[in-house]
Amino acid sequence: MAKKKSKDTKELKTKVKKLRAKVKALKSDLSAAPAPAASAAQTEAKSVTISPLAPAKFPDLPEIAGVEFASAAAGVKYAGRTDVMLARIAPGASIAGVFTTSSTRAACVLDCQEKLAMRSPSETGAAIIVNSGNANAFTGKSGQESVDKVTGAVADALDMPISRVFSSSTGVIGEPLPHDKIVAVIDSLTQRLSPAGIEDAARAIMTTDTYPKGAFAEVQGEGGKIKIAGIAKGSGMIAPNMATMLVYIFTDAKITPSRLQKMLSRQVDDTFNAITVDSDTSTSDALIVAATGKSDAAEIADLRSEPAKAFEAGLREVMMDLAHQVVKDGEGATKFVEIRVTRARSNEDAHKIAMSIANSPLVKTAIAGEDANWGRVVAAVGKSGAEADRDKLKISFGDMVVAEKGWRVPDYSEEAASAYMKNDELVIGVDLGLGRASKSVWTCDLTHRYIDINADYRS
């Protein structure tokens, strides 16, 4: 019996020894093997560098009575990334909007325009559903089918007519929208709606953005305060001809849809239509404003009244703030630049010249290199097609006049001009000396990072 036990013990030790050898070999194989590939979402997250022009933090936006938000990760393009947001707006709300003028508008843009034109009764409330990762643009008949599936599911979940559900999509153009993934999270979204969810909503609509964008204003109405809060996404393909990328503004003001639309439309040109990152107008630009009417302030019934003027000024403030944030998050941007054109013959000429400078790759790359190359500004003025006179032209960098009367100024200092170009925020002034019209537009520099982002955007 003792001999058998000894034999069994010896066999057991041999087995253990062999198992240890196998474990050691497996560990060696694992250490030599390449690391598992990161998911697309992880790779993207690691590669994102926050814009140096970004605000210190997302603003502390107040809750707007009558609006609730929720967001979710539907996996539209990347697994595990928050990419859908839903906003529910209380019954009685007024809705207004402006959209891209692109002739290749996305299905969701066409759908929103049609629904706003219908002027459906507001008693049922409204909703906005937005996805990132796929623009649902240039997708043929399937584009509208996807819009109908998504907005129809929201309408059923929130018990409102489909005509009061507005949708937006942003991301890659030309790929069918996987709408089933969005529909699958709608019940979860409706269960988690909260007045405090606006920051998460701002994050859900980001694509190549490096930070979520929010802005807020409060104005005095007749008998009470009026709050205005907005969120936006936008980083590339920015040369709006209406508004910009995706923007959603919410207010508790009491105002009819027609008056709200009038205010919105007349504030677009000097805010969102006065910015450019890369001169490319998107297929999907949308700006929607919802007014819930929940403020204690009286209804804005006369657009000439002081409360109306105060509200419109607050709306403009939020729009301008968001527009500037979009430029500051321009793909690869390191400089925020105002192009300030004065004394043009007409408003049209002022706008043409400002945009010619703002969109010039030569001007933008010089700014990126902190090169005080005012000659490129001269060239951009000349190519604009607007009226200009060489000998009346005056060009300034900040407060420094660098060229006038057909040549550089006698005391021009390249050292001083170059020092100015090192600032994060710049003003390039162009005085045409021809009339009284003026225009300011905002842009950013053009860096190699812009190429890096866009060269493999679909990859």
Protein backbone atom coordinates (compact mmCIF):
# COMPACT_ATOMS: atom_id res chain seq x y z
CA MET A 1 0.00 0.00 0.00
CA ALA A 2 2.87 2.40 0.85
CA LYS A 3 4.51 1.67 -2.49
CA LYS A 4 1.21 2.52 -4.34
CA LYS A 5 0.87 5.85 -2.48
CA SER A 6 4.44 6.75 -3.30
CA LYS A 7 3.82 5.95 -6.96
CA ASP A 8 0.60 8.06 -7.02
CA THR A 9 2.37 10.99 -5.38
CA LYS A 10 5.18 10.80 -7.92
CA GLU A 11 2.70 10.76 -10.85
CA LEU A 12 0.80 13.72 -9.37
CA LYS A 13 4.02 15.73 -9.03
CA THR A 14 4.89 14.93 -12.62
CA LYS A 15 1.45 16.15 -13.82
CA VAL A 16 1.77 19.36 -11.78
CA LYS A 17 5.23 19.95 -13.23
CA LYS A 18 3.89 19.53 -16.76
CA LEU A 19 0.94 21.89 -16.08
CA ARG A 20 3.32 24.50 -14.68
CA ALA A 21 5.42 24.21 -17.82
CA LYS A 22 2.32 24.71 -19.98
CA VAL A 23 1.23 27.78 -17.95
CA LYS A 24 4.71 29.23 -18.29
CA ALA A 25 4.62 28.68 -22.05
CA LEU A 26 1.18 30.28 -22.34
CA LYS A 27 2.33 33.33 -20.38
CA SER A 28 5.30 33.64 -22.68
CA ASP A 29 3.04 33.45 -25.74
CA LEU A 30 0.69 36.08 -24.32
CA SER A 31 3.48 38.51 -23.53
CA ALA A 32 4.85 38.15 -27.06
CA ALA A 33 1.45 38.53 -28.75
CA PRO A 34 0.39 41.96 -30.09
CA ALA A 35 -2.05 43.93 -27.98
CA PRO A 36 -5.70 43.54 -29.04
CA ALA A 37 -6.86 46.23 -31.44
CA ALA A 38 -8.73 49.07 -29.79
CA SER A 39 -12.30 49.67 -30.86
CA ALA A 40 -12.98 52.53 -33.25
CA ALA A 41 -14.53 54.49 -30.41
CA GLN A 42 -11.49 53.92 -28.18
CA THR A 43 -9.08 54.87 -30.96
CA GLU A 44 -11.04 58.01 -31.69
CA ALA A 45 -11.26 58.96 -28.01
CA LYS A 46 -7.49 58.60 -27.60
CA SER A 47 -6.78 60.72 -30.67
CA VAL A 48 -8.99 63.64 -29.67
CA THR A 49 -7.08 66.66 -28.46
CA ILE A 50 -9.24 69.36 -26.93
CA SER A 51 -9.07 72.59 -28.91
CA PRO A 52 -6.68 75.10 -27.27
CA LEU A 53 -9.43 77.68 -27.81
CA ALA A 54 -12.04 75.70 -25.87
CA PRO A 55 -13.74 77.28 -22.84
CA ALA A 56 -12.57 76.08 -19.44
CA LYS A 57 -15.74 74.04 -18.94
CA PHE A 58 -19.26 73.51 -20.21
CA PRO A 59 -21.40 76.40 -18.95
CA ASP A 60 -23.81 75.88 -16.09
CA LEU A 61 -26.99 76.01 -18.17
CA PRO A 62 -30.25 76.49 -16.25
CA GLU A 63 -33.21 74.23 -16.72
CA ILE A 64 -35.75 75.61 -19.19
CA ALA A 65 -39.29 74.96 -17.97
CA GLY A 66 -41.11 72.73 -20.43
CA VAL A 67 -38.04 70.97 -21.90
CA GLU A 68 -36.59 67.56 -20.97
CA PHE A 69 -33.57 65.74 -22.39
CA ALA A 70 -32.17 62.24 -22.59
CA SER A 71 -29.24 60.67 -24.42
CA ALA A 72 -28.13 57.14 -25.24
CA ALA A 73 -25.50 55.02 -26.96
CA ALA A 74 -27.23 53.42 -29.96
CA GLY A 75 -24.09 52.31 -31.79
CA VAL A 76 -24.93 54.27 -34.94
CA LYS A 77 -21.25 54.24 -35.93
CA TYR A 78 -19.23 53.31 -32.84
CA ALA A 79 -20.14 50.89 -30.07
CA GLY A 80 -20.29 52.38 -26.61
CA ARG A 81 -20.41 56.00 -27.71
CA THR A 82 -23.29 58.28 -26.73
CA ASP A 83 -24.74 59.21 -30.10
CA VAL A 84 -28.48 59.93 -29.79
CA MET A 85 -30.28 62.68 -27.94
CA LEU A 86 -33.99 63.28 -27.46
CA ALA A 87 -35.66 66.52 -26.34
CA ARG A 88 -39.32 66.58 -25.33
CA ILE A 89 -40.98 69.99 -25.48
CA ALA A 90 -44.17 70.82 -23.59
CA PRO A 91 -47.57 71.34 -25.24
CA GLY A 92 -48.17 74.87 -26.47
CA ALA A 93 -44.56 75.44 -27.55
CA SER A 94 -43.65 77.49 -30.63
CA ILE A 95 -41.06 76.05 -33.01
CA ALA A 96 -38.96 77.96 -35.54
CA GLY A 97 -36.01 76.91 -37.67
CA VAL A 98 -33.50 77.73 -40.37
CA PHE A 99 -31.70 75.16 -42.48
CA THR A 100 -28.96 74.67 -45.02
CA THR A 101 -29.53 76.03 -48.51
CA SER A 102 -27.53 73.15 -49.99
CA SER A 103 -29.19 71.61 -53.05
CA THR A 104 -28.17 68.18 -51.68
CA ARG A 105 -29.96 68.59 -48.35
CA ALA A 106 -30.29 65.56 -46.11
CA ALA A 107 -33.63 63.80 -45.73
CA CYS A 108 -34.06 65.01 -42.15
CA VAL A 109 -33.59 68.64 -43.24
CA LEU A 110 -36.23 68.32 -45.96
CA ASP A 111 -38.56 66.65 -43.45
CA CYS A 112 -38.10 69.43 -40.87
CA GLN A 113 -38.73 72.12 -43.47
CA GLU A 114 -41.92 70.40 -44.59
CA LYS A 115 -43.20 69.98 -41.04
CA LEU A 116 -42.53 73.61 -40.08
CA ALA A 117 -44.38 74.74 -43.20
CA MET A 118 -47.40 72.66 -42.11
CA ARG A 119 -47.85 74.74 -38.94
CA SER A 120 -49.33 71.84 -36.99
CA PRO A 121 -51.26 72.67 -33.78
CA SER A 122 -48.91 73.11 -30.84
CA GLU A 123 -51.25 71.69 -28.19
CA THR A 124 -49.66 68.25 -28.48
CA GLY A 125 -46.13 69.36 -27.67
CA ALA A 126 -43.08 68.58 -29.81
CA ALA A 127 -39.87 66.58 -29.85
CA ILE A 128 -36.40 66.72 -31.39
CA ILE A 129 -34.41 63.51 -32.01
CA VAL A 130 -30.78 63.79 -33.14
CA ASN A 131 -28.13 61.22 -34.00
CA SER A 132 -24.42 61.58 -34.70
CA GLY A 133 -22.24 59.20 -36.71
CA ASN A 134 -24.36 59.16 -39.87
CA ALA A 135 -25.75 62.15 -41.79
CA ASN A 136 -28.52 60.22 -43.61
CA ALA A 137 -27.70 62.44 -46.61
CA PHE A 138 -27.57 61.37 -50.26
CA THR A 139 -29.23 58.09 -49.31
CA GLY A 140 -32.08 58.08 -51.85
CA LYS A 141 -35.56 56.97 -50.85
CA SER A 142 -34.19 55.07 -47.88
CA GLY A 143 -33.29 58.42 -46.31
CA GLN A 144 -36.92 59.48 -45.87
CA GLU A 145 -37.89 55.96 -44.84
CA SER A 146 -35.34 56.16 -42.03
CA VAL A 147 -36.62 59.57 -40.96
CA ASP A 148 -40.19 58.22 -40.89
CA LYS A 149 -39.15 55.19 -38.83
CA VAL A 150 -37.29 57.26 -36.25
CA THR A 151 -39.77 60.13 -35.93
CA GLY A 152 -42.69 57.69 -36.00
CA ALA A 153 -41.24 55.72 -33.11
CA VAL A 154 -40.73 58.93 -31.11
CA ALA A 155 -44.29 60.05 -31.90
CA ASP A 156 -45.68 56.73 -30.64
CA ALA A 157 -43.52 56.74 -27.51
CA LEU A 158 -44.45 60.33 -26.57
CA ASP A 159 -48.04 60.17 -27.82
CA MET A 160 -47.82 63.08 -30.26
CA PRO A 161 -48.36 63.46 -34.01
CA ILE A 162 -45.37 62.69 -36.21
CA SER A 163 -45.70 66.19 -37.69
CA ARG A 164 -44.42 67.57 -34.37
CA VAL A 165 -41.31 65.37 -34.23
CA PHE A 166 -38.22 66.94 -35.79
CA SER A 167 -35.05 65.02 -36.51
CA SER A 168 -31.43 65.75 -37.37
CA SER A 169 -28.53 63.53 -38.37
CA THR A 170 -24.84 64.34 -38.61
CA GLY A 171 -21.83 62.31 -39.68
CA VAL A 172 -20.80 60.42 -42.79
CA ILE A 173 -22.65 61.24 -46.04
CA GLY A 174 -23.88 58.55 -48.44
CA GLU A 175 -24.38 55.64 -46.05
CA PRO A 176 -27.86 54.35 -45.11
CA LEU A 177 -28.88 55.31 -41.58
CA PRO A 178 -29.14 52.23 -39.32
CA HIS A 179 -32.44 53.53 -37.99
CA ASP A 180 -33.29 50.27 -36.21
CA LYS A 181 -30.47 51.00 -33.75
CA ILE A 182 -32.00 54.39 -32.95
CA VAL A 183 -35.53 53.04 -32.70
CA ALA A 184 -34.26 50.38 -30.28
CA VAL A 185 -33.20 53.00 -27.69
CA ILE A 186 -36.24 55.30 -27.91
CA ASP A 187 -38.16 53.61 -25.07
CA SER A 188 -35.08 53.93 -22.86
CA LEU A 189 -34.72 57.59 -23.83
CA THR A 190 -38.32 58.42 -22.99
CA GLN A 191 -38.01 56.78 -19.58
CA ARG A 192 -34.95 58.88 -18.71
CA LEU A 193 -36.10 62.31 -19.86
CA SER A 194 -34.96 64.98 -17.44
CA PRO A 195 -34.86 68.80 -17.39
CA ALA A 196 -31.21 68.51 -16.29
CA GLY A 197 -29.97 66.48 -19.26
CA ILE A 198 -28.88 69.25 -21.61
CA GLU A 199 -25.10 68.78 -21.20
CA ASP A 200 -25.32 65.08 -22.03
CA ALA A 201 -27.48 66.01 -25.02
CA ALA A 202 -24.75 68.39 -26.21
CA ARG A 203 -22.20 65.58 -26.00
CA ALA A 204 -24.41 63.12 -27.87
CA ILE A 205 -24.54 65.26 -31.01
CA MET A 206 -20.74 65.67 -31.33
CA THR A 207 -18.82 64.19 -34.27
CA THR A 208 -15.30 65.58 -34.76
CA ASP A 209 -16.00 68.21 -32.09
CA THR A 210 -13.46 68.25 -29.28
CA TYR A 211 -15.84 69.68 -26.69
CA PRO A 212 -19.61 70.13 -26.19
CA LYS A 213 -20.94 73.62 -26.80
CA GLY A 214 -23.49 75.48 -24.71
CA ALA A 215 -24.58 79.08 -24.15
CA PHE A 216 -27.12 80.93 -22.01
CA ALA A 217 -28.75 84.33 -21.62
CA GLU A 218 -31.39 85.73 -19.29
CA VAL A 219 -33.40 88.85 -20.11
CA GLN A 220 -36.07 90.89 -18.41
CA GLY A 221 -39.52 90.45 -19.87
CA GLU A 222 -42.70 92.22 -18.90
CA GLY A 223 -43.50 90.77 -15.48
CA GLY A 224 -40.70 88.24 -15.25
CA LYS A 225 -37.40 86.86 -16.46
CA ILE A 226 -36.97 84.97 -19.73
CA LYS A 227 -34.33 82.26 -20.01
CA ILE A 228 -32.60 81.18 -23.23
CA ALA A 229 -30.25 78.18 -23.42
CA GLY A 230 -28.68 76.55 -26.46
CA ILE A 231 -26.38 73.75 -27.53
CA ALA A 232 -24.50 73.21 -30.79
CA LYS A 233 -22.20 70.87 -32.63
CA GLY A 234 -19.83 71.83 -35.38
CA SER A 235 -16.16 71.52 -36.15
CA GLY A 236 -15.67 70.93 -39.86
CA MET A 237 -17.66 71.45 -43.06
CA ILE A 238 -18.50 74.90 -41.73
CA ALA A 239 -19.59 77.58 -44.18
CA PRO A 240 -23.24 77.95 -43.33
CA ASN A 241 -25.79 79.47 -45.65
CA MET A 242 -28.53 79.70 -43.02
CA ALA A 243 -27.29 78.66 -39.62
CA THR A 244 -24.62 76.15 -38.72
CA MET A 245 -24.18 72.45 -38.34
CA LEU A 246 -26.64 71.47 -35.62
CA VAL A 247 -27.95 74.04 -33.15
CA TYR A 248 -30.86 73.74 -30.70
CA ILE A 249 -32.01 76.70 -28.63
CA PHE A 250 -34.67 76.52 -25.93
CA THR A 251 -36.44 79.36 -24.17
CA ASP A 252 -39.38 79.74 -21.81
CA ALA A 253 -40.61 82.87 -23.63
CA LYS A 254 -44.23 83.26 -24.67
CA ILE A 255 -44.13 84.08 -28.38
CA THR A 256 -45.95 82.92 -31.52
CA PRO A 257 -44.13 80.77 -34.09
CA SER A 258 -44.25 83.53 -36.71
CA ARG A 259 -42.69 86.15 -34.41
CA LEU A 260 -40.07 83.67 -33.21
CA GLN A 261 -39.24 82.79 -36.82
CA LYS A 262 -38.89 86.44 -37.78
CA MET A 263 -36.44 87.11 -34.95
CA LEU A 264 -34.44 83.98 -35.71
CA SER A 265 -34.21 84.66 -39.43
CA ARG A 266 -32.98 88.22 -39.05
CA GLN A 267 -30.27 87.26 -36.53
CA VAL A 268 -28.76 84.50 -38.67
CA ASP A 269 -26.73 86.63 -41.09
CA ASP A 270 -24.59 88.32 -38.45
CA THR A 271 -24.08 85.17 -36.35
CA PHE A 272 -24.07 81.75 -37.98
CA ASN A 273 -23.86 83.04 -41.55
CA ALA A 274 -20.80 85.07 -40.52
CA ILE A 275 -18.58 82.12 -39.62
CA THR A 276 -16.46 79.76 -41.70
CA VAL A 277 -13.93 77.05 -40.95
CA ASP A 278 -13.27 75.56 -44.36
CA SER A 279 -15.72 77.15 -46.86
CA ASP A 280 -17.75 73.93 -47.16
CA THR A 281 -21.50 74.11 -46.58
CA SER A 282 -22.96 70.99 -44.99
CA THR A 283 -25.87 68.94 -46.31
CA SER A 284 -27.30 68.78 -42.81
CA ASP A 285 -27.17 72.25 -41.23
CA ALA A 286 -30.12 72.89 -38.95
CA LEU A 287 -31.00 75.44 -36.28
CA ILE A 288 -34.21 74.85 -34.35
CA VAL A 289 -35.59 77.13 -31.64
CA ALA A 290 -38.33 76.05 -29.23
CA ALA A 291 -40.22 78.51 -27.01
CA THR A 292 -42.24 76.77 -24.29
CA GLY A 293 -44.21 79.76 -22.99
CA LYS A 294 -43.56 78.74 -19.37
CA SER A 295 -41.98 82.04 -18.26
CA ASP A 296 -43.87 84.34 -15.89
CA ALA A 297 -43.21 87.16 -18.35
CA ALA A 298 -46.04 88.37 -20.54
CA GLU A 299 -46.32 87.25 -24.15
CA ILE A 300 -44.08 89.03 -26.64
CA ALA A 301 -46.80 90.41 -28.88
CA ASP A 302 -45.17 93.52 -30.34
CA LEU A 303 -41.75 93.11 -31.93
CA ARG A 304 -41.12 96.85 -31.47
CA SER A 305 -41.61 96.71 -27.69
CA GLU A 306 -38.74 96.90 -25.21
CA PRO A 307 -39.31 93.32 -23.93
CA ALA A 308 -39.21 92.08 -27.53
CA LYS A 309 -35.98 93.94 -28.21
CA ALA A 310 -34.47 92.57 -25.01
CA PHE A 311 -35.47 89.02 -25.92
CA GLU A 312 -34.10 89.32 -29.45
CA ALA A 313 -30.83 90.68 -28.06
CA GLY A 314 -30.62 87.68 -25.72
CA LEU A 315 -31.35 85.30 -28.58
CA ARG A 316 -28.61 86.97 -30.63
CA GLU A 317 -26.18 86.68 -27.70
CA VAL A 318 -26.73 82.92 -27.46
CA MET A 319 -26.49 82.49 -31.23
CA MET A 320 -23.27 84.51 -31.41
CA ASP A 321 -21.71 82.63 -28.51
CA LEU A 322 -22.47 79.25 -30.08
CA ALA A 323 -21.30 80.41 -33.52
CA HIS A 324 -17.96 81.55 -32.09
CA GLN A 325 -17.57 78.27 -30.19
CA VAL A 326 -18.02 76.36 -33.45
CA VAL A 327 -15.14 78.32 -35.01
CA LYS A 328 -12.98 77.88 -31.92
CA ASP A 329 -13.49 74.13 -32.31
CA GLY A 330 -12.68 74.22 -36.02
CA GLU A 331 -10.89 71.03 -36.96
CA GLY A 332 -7.26 71.57 -35.99
CA ALA A 333 -7.82 75.23 -35.04
CA THR A 334 -5.27 77.07 -32.91
CA LYS A 335 -6.29 80.67 -33.72
CA PHE A 336 -9.66 82.46 -33.55
CA VAL A 337 -9.75 85.25 -36.12
CA GLU A 338 -12.14 88.13 -36.75
CA ILE A 339 -12.06 89.61 -40.25
CA ARG A 340 -13.39 93.16 -39.88
CA VAL A 341 -14.25 94.94 -43.13
CA THR A 342 -15.25 98.63 -42.99
CA ARG A 343 -16.19 101.43 -45.38
CA ALA A 344 -17.23 99.13 -48.21
CA ARG A 345 -19.46 100.37 -51.02
CA SER A 346 -22.28 97.98 -50.06
CA ASN A 347 -23.17 95.32 -47.48
CA GLU A 348 -22.82 92.70 -50.20
CA ASP A 349 -19.29 93.86 -51.03
CA ALA A 350 -18.30 93.91 -47.36
CA HIS A 351 -19.52 90.35 -46.94
CA LYS A 352 -17.79 89.13 -50.12
CA ILE A 353 -14.44 90.58 -49.11
CA ALA A 354 -14.66 89.35 -45.51
CA MET A 355 -15.47 85.81 -46.64
CA SER A 356 -12.80 85.89 -49.36
CA ILE A 357 -10.18 86.59 -46.71
CA ALA A 358 -11.66 84.19 -44.14
CA ASN A 359 -11.78 81.32 -46.64
CA SER A 360 -8.38 81.89 -48.24
CA PRO A 361 -6.13 78.85 -47.62
CA LEU A 362 -3.10 81.11 -48.05
CA VAL A 363 -4.31 83.56 -45.40
CA LYS A 364 -5.33 80.75 -43.05
CA THR A 365 -2.04 78.86 -43.33
CA ALA A 366 -0.08 82.08 -42.79
CA ILE A 367 -2.07 82.61 -39.60
CA ALA A 368 -1.32 79.03 -38.54
CA GLY A 369 2.38 79.72 -39.05
CA GLU A 370 2.13 83.07 -37.21
CA ASP A 371 3.39 84.74 -40.39
CA ALA A 372 2.39 88.42 -40.76
CA ASN A 373 1.87 87.99 -44.50
CA TRP A 374 -0.48 90.91 -45.17
CA GLY A 375 0.16 90.48 -48.91
CA ARG A 376 -2.12 87.45 -48.83
CA VAL A 377 -4.89 89.63 -47.40
CA VAL A 378 -4.38 92.04 -50.30
CA ALA A 379 -4.70 89.15 -52.75
CA ALA A 380 -7.89 87.89 -51.08
CA VAL A 381 -9.46 91.35 -51.33
CA GLY A 382 -8.57 91.52 -55.01
CA LYS A 383 -10.01 88.13 -55.92
CA SER A 384 -13.33 88.65 -54.10
CA GLY A 385 -15.17 90.23 -57.02
CA ALA A 386 -16.21 93.18 -54.84
CA GLU A 387 -15.26 96.77 -55.55
CA ALA A 388 -11.88 97.79 -54.11
CA ASP A 389 -9.33 100.52 -54.84
CA ARG A 390 -5.68 99.66 -54.24
CA ASP A 391 -4.72 103.20 -53.22
CA LYS A 392 -7.61 103.58 -50.75
CA LEU A 393 -7.11 100.23 -49.07
CA LYS A 394 -5.86 100.08 -45.47
CA ILE A 395 -4.96 96.80 -43.76
CA SER A 396 -4.49 96.37 -40.02
CA PHE A 397 -3.44 93.58 -37.69
CA GLY A 398 -5.17 94.48 -34.46
CA ASP A 399 -4.54 98.20 -33.86
CA MET A 400 -1.44 98.11 -36.06
CA VAL A 401 -1.80 99.54 -39.59
CA VAL A 402 0.53 97.50 -41.80
CA ALA A 403 -0.38 98.75 -45.29
CA GLU A 404 -2.18 101.70 -46.87
CA LYS A 405 -2.12 103.98 -49.92
CA GLY A 406 -0.99 101.16 -52.17
CA TRP A 407 2.00 99.95 -50.11
CA ARG A 408 3.19 99.09 -46.61
CA VAL A 409 3.30 101.94 -44.10
CA PRO A 410 6.67 103.76 -43.74
CA ASP A 411 7.18 102.66 -40.14
CA TYR A 412 6.11 99.05 -40.73
CA SER A 413 7.77 96.65 -38.29
CA GLU A 414 7.90 92.99 -39.25
CA GLU A 415 8.98 92.18 -35.70
CA ALA A 416 5.92 93.89 -34.18
CA ALA A 417 3.53 92.35 -36.72
CA SER A 418 4.98 88.87 -36.14
CA ALA A 419 4.67 89.31 -32.38
CA TYR A 420 0.98 90.16 -32.79
CA MET A 421 0.39 86.98 -34.84
CA LYS A 422 1.40 84.85 -31.83
CA ASN A 423 -1.86 85.75 -30.05
CA ASP A 424 -4.60 83.10 -29.83
CA GLU A 425 -7.23 85.63 -30.94
CA LEU A 426 -6.58 87.97 -33.86
CA VAL A 427 -8.35 90.80 -35.69
CA ILE A 428 -7.54 91.49 -39.33
CA GLY A 429 -8.97 94.87 -40.38
CA VAL A 430 -9.66 95.93 -43.96
CA ASP A 431 -10.74 99.55 -44.52
CA LEU A 432 -11.85 99.96 -48.14
CA GLY A 433 -12.35 103.73 -47.96
CA LEU A 434 -15.27 103.60 -50.41
CA GLY A 435 -18.54 103.81 -48.48
CA ARG A 436 -20.29 103.16 -45.17
CA ALA A 437 -21.00 99.42 -45.19
CA SER A 438 -19.22 97.07 -42.81
CA LYS A 439 -19.12 93.38 -41.95
CA SER A 440 -17.36 91.15 -39.47
CA VAL A 441 -16.92 87.42 -39.95
CA TRP A 442 -15.05 84.87 -37.87
CA THR A 443 -12.76 82.06 -38.92
CA CYS A 444 -9.81 79.99 -37.71
CA ASP A 445 -6.42 79.02 -39.01
CA LEU A 446 -5.73 76.00 -41.24
CA THR A 447 -3.30 73.52 -39.72
CA HIS A 448 -2.01 70.08 -40.66
CA ARG A 449 -4.37 68.66 -38.05
CA TYR A 450 -7.29 69.58 -40.34
CA ILE A 451 -5.83 67.29 -43.01
CA ASP A 452 -5.23 64.50 -40.48
CA ILE A 453 -8.87 64.59 -39.35
CA ASN A 454 -10.42 64.72 -42.80
CA ALA A 455 -8.06 62.40 -44.66
CA ASP A 456 -9.43 59.37 -42.81
CA TYR A 457 -12.83 60.63 -41.65
CA ARG A 458 -14.65 57.57 -43.09
CA SER A 459 -12.01 55.06 -41.93
